[in-house]
Amino acid sequence: MPHARPSCAVESCVCITDILHQFAESLGNAIDAKDPHTRRHSDEVAELSRELARLLGCAQRQMEIIHLAGHLHDIGKIGVP
């Protein structure tokens, strides 16, 4: 009997989640690039936020969402000259 494959929907969801994470990290890098004093700031906020969520006992999915929010927390800086 051949191994069962996950459904296309599950594979698509995993792929979309990966793309969302990459997009959030890219936006965070773009935000940080505007100011040399805040280089890697979004990465650090994202990692610290995820660790705090873990220590508070959040579920894995909640920790992922909080991590993404950390990357995006300064998104308003992109439009500020």
Protein backbone atom coordinates (compact mmCIF):
# COMPACT_ATOMS: atom_id res chain seq x y z
CA MET A 1 0.00 0.00 0.00
CA PRO A 2 1.49 3.38 -0.98
CA HIS A 3 2.02 6.04 1.67
CA ALA A 4 -0.90 8.42 2.02
CA ARG A 5 -0.18 11.98 0.86
CA PRO A 6 -1.51 15.00 2.69
CA SER A 7 -4.33 16.68 0.85
CA CYS A 8 -3.56 19.50 -1.56
CA ALA A 9 -5.39 21.87 0.79
CA VAL A 10 -3.01 21.06 3.64
CA GLU A 11 0.02 21.45 1.37
CA SER A 12 -1.34 24.77 0.10
CA CYS A 13 -1.93 26.01 3.65
CA VAL A 14 1.63 25.15 4.65
CA CYS A 15 2.97 26.88 1.54
CA ILE A 16 0.89 30.01 2.16
CA THR A 17 2.02 30.11 5.79
CA ASP A 18 5.67 29.90 4.70
CA ILE A 19 5.14 32.69 2.17
CA LEU A 20 3.44 34.85 4.82
CA HIS A 21 6.39 34.38 7.19
CA GLN A 22 8.88 35.28 4.44
CA PHE A 23 6.82 38.33 3.48
CA ALA A 24 6.62 39.56 7.09
CA GLU A 25 10.37 39.12 7.54
CA SER A 26 11.01 41.00 4.29
CA LEU A 27 8.80 43.88 5.40
CA GLY A 28 10.57 43.95 8.74
CA ASN A 29 13.92 44.15 6.94
CA ALA A 30 12.62 46.98 4.75
CA ILE A 31 11.46 48.86 7.84
CA ASP A 32 14.81 48.37 9.57
CA ALA A 33 16.73 49.45 6.46
CA LYS A 34 15.27 52.96 6.72
CA ASP A 35 17.25 53.66 9.88
CA PRO A 36 20.72 52.23 10.58
CA HIS A 37 20.12 52.62 14.33
CA THR A 38 17.29 50.08 14.24
CA ARG A 39 18.99 47.41 12.12
CA ARG A 40 17.58 43.96 13.00
CA HIS A 41 15.17 45.60 15.46
CA SER A 42 12.12 43.87 13.96
CA ASP A 43 13.86 40.47 14.09
CA GLU A 44 14.70 41.01 17.75
CA VAL A 45 11.18 42.13 18.61
CA ALA A 46 9.75 39.11 16.78
CA GLU A 47 12.03 36.65 18.59
CA LEU A 48 11.49 38.21 22.02
CA SER A 49 7.73 38.29 21.47
CA ARG A 50 7.65 34.61 20.51
CA GLU A 51 9.74 33.70 23.56
CA LEU A 52 7.43 35.66 25.86
CA ALA A 53 4.42 33.93 24.30
CA ARG A 54 6.09 30.55 24.91
CA LEU A 55 6.80 31.43 28.54
CA LEU A 56 3.17 32.50 28.97
CA GLY A 57 2.03 29.10 27.71
CA CYS A 58 0.55 30.19 24.38
CA ALA A 59 -0.27 27.58 21.77
CA GLN A 60 2.12 27.10 18.83
CA ARG A 61 -0.25 28.86 16.40
CA GLN A 62 -0.55 31.86 18.73
CA MET A 63 3.24 32.01 19.02
CA GLU A 64 3.55 32.07 15.21
CA ILE A 65 1.04 34.93 14.93
CA ILE A 66 2.81 36.90 17.67
CA HIS A 67 6.15 36.32 15.92
CA LEU A 68 4.71 37.71 12.67
CA ALA A 69 3.33 40.72 14.53
CA GLY A 70 6.80 41.40 15.90
CA HIS A 71 8.16 41.67 12.37
CA LEU A 72 5.36 44.05 11.38
CA HIS A 73 5.08 46.21 14.51
CA ASP A 74 6.82 49.23 12.92
CA ILE A 75 5.16 48.95 9.50
CA GLY A 76 4.02 52.58 9.66
CA LYS A 77 7.65 53.66 9.28
CA ILE A 78 7.66 52.52 5.64
CA GLY A 79 5.48 55.46 4.60
CA VAL A 80 7.26 58.05 6.74
CA PRO A 81 9.94 59.97 4.82
